[in-house]
Amino acid sequence: MAADYAALEARVAELEQQMRYLLPAKVDAVSYAVSLVHEDTRYLREQSDIHGAALQRLETRLDRHSDLLQEILRRLPPAP
């Protein structure tokens, strides 16, 4: 019984050490990793917005060129 009690006390002391030293370090590591994920997500969102705007400009230009081509084709004389 005394050996069980001593083992239990040793385990409690070990867990207390982990709570004091290891757990805060692990929480800090996870917090840092989460901040990196948020930063990457924000960057990807910004890049997506930039690419979306560029795509919209290209679509607008293509629409104008399409209208111009349709007008050119309309004005061409019919094939013999």
Protein backbone atom coordinates (compact mmCIF):
# COMPACT_ATOMS: atom_id res chain seq x y z
CA MET A 1 0.00 0.00 0.00
CA ALA A 2 2.81 2.39 0.85
CA ALA A 3 4.47 1.62 -2.48
CA ASP A 4 1.23 2.42 -4.32
CA TYR A 5 0.92 5.67 -2.41
CA ALA A 6 4.53 6.62 -3.20
CA ALA A 7 4.01 5.78 -6.88
CA LEU A 8 0.86 7.89 -6.90
CA GLU A 9 2.67 10.81 -5.28
CA ALA A 10 5.48 10.52 -7.81
CA ARG A 11 2.96 10.50 -10.66
CA VAL A 12 1.17 13.55 -9.23
CA ALA A 13 4.50 15.38 -8.95
CA GLU A 14 5.30 14.45 -12.56
CA LEU A 15 1.93 15.72 -13.76
CA GLU A 16 2.36 18.95 -11.80
CA GLN A 17 5.72 19.52 -13.54
CA GLN A 18 4.10 18.91 -16.91
CA MET A 19 1.33 21.36 -16.08
CA ARG A 20 3.89 24.01 -15.10
CA TYR A 21 6.37 23.62 -17.92
CA LEU A 22 5.32 21.38 -20.78
CA LEU A 23 1.69 22.36 -21.15
CA PRO A 24 2.29 26.13 -21.50
CA ALA A 25 4.96 25.45 -24.12
CA LYS A 26 2.58 23.21 -26.05
CA VAL A 27 -0.19 25.81 -25.82
CA ASP A 28 2.22 28.44 -27.13
CA ALA A 29 3.23 26.17 -30.02
CA VAL A 30 -0.38 25.51 -30.98
CA SER A 31 -1.22 29.19 -30.70
CA TYR A 32 1.69 30.07 -32.97
CA ALA A 33 0.64 27.42 -35.51
CA VAL A 34 -2.91 28.76 -35.52
CA SER A 35 -1.64 32.30 -36.11
CA LEU A 36 0.36 31.03 -39.11
CA VAL A 37 -2.72 29.35 -40.53
CA HIS A 38 -4.71 32.57 -40.12
CA GLU A 39 -1.94 34.54 -41.82
CA ASP A 40 -1.78 32.09 -44.73
CA THR A 41 -5.56 32.11 -45.06
CA ARG A 42 -5.62 35.91 -45.14
CA TYR A 43 -2.87 35.94 -47.81
CA LEU A 44 -4.70 33.37 -49.92
CA ARG A 45 -7.94 35.35 -49.62
CA GLU A 46 -6.16 38.53 -50.73
CA GLN A 47 -4.56 36.70 -53.67
CA SER A 48 -7.93 35.26 -54.63
CA ASP A 49 -9.46 38.74 -54.60
CA ILE A 50 -6.62 40.09 -56.76
CA HIS A 51 -6.95 37.23 -59.25
CA GLY A 52 -10.74 37.57 -59.27
CA ALA A 53 -10.46 41.27 -60.12
CA ALA A 54 -7.96 40.54 -62.90
CA LEU A 55 -10.24 37.86 -64.30
CA GLN A 56 -13.17 40.27 -64.23
CA ARG A 57 -11.14 42.84 -66.20
CA LEU A 58 -10.20 40.19 -68.77
CA GLU A 59 -13.81 39.11 -69.14
CA THR A 60 -14.86 42.71 -69.69
CA ARG A 61 -12.19 43.15 -72.37
CA LEU A 62 -13.19 39.90 -74.06
CA ASP A 63 -16.82 41.00 -74.08
CA ARG A 64 -15.84 44.26 -75.80
CA HIS A 65 -13.72 42.39 -78.36
CA SER A 66 -16.54 39.94 -78.95
CA ASP A 67 -18.93 42.82 -79.64
CA LEU A 68 -16.40 44.36 -82.01
CA LEU A 69 -15.92 41.07 -83.85
CA GLN A 70 -19.67 40.61 -84.14
CA GLU A 71 -19.96 44.07 -85.65
CA ILE A 72 -17.14 43.38 -88.14
CA LEU A 73 -18.78 40.12 -89.18
CA ARG A 74 -22.13 41.86 -89.57
CA ARG A 75 -20.61 44.47 -91.90
CA LEU A 76 -18.79 41.98 -94.10
CA PRO A 77 -20.44 41.39 -97.45
CA PRO A 78 -22.08 37.99 -97.80
CA ALA A 79 -20.00 35.24 -99.34
CA PRO A 80 -20.74 34.64 -103.06
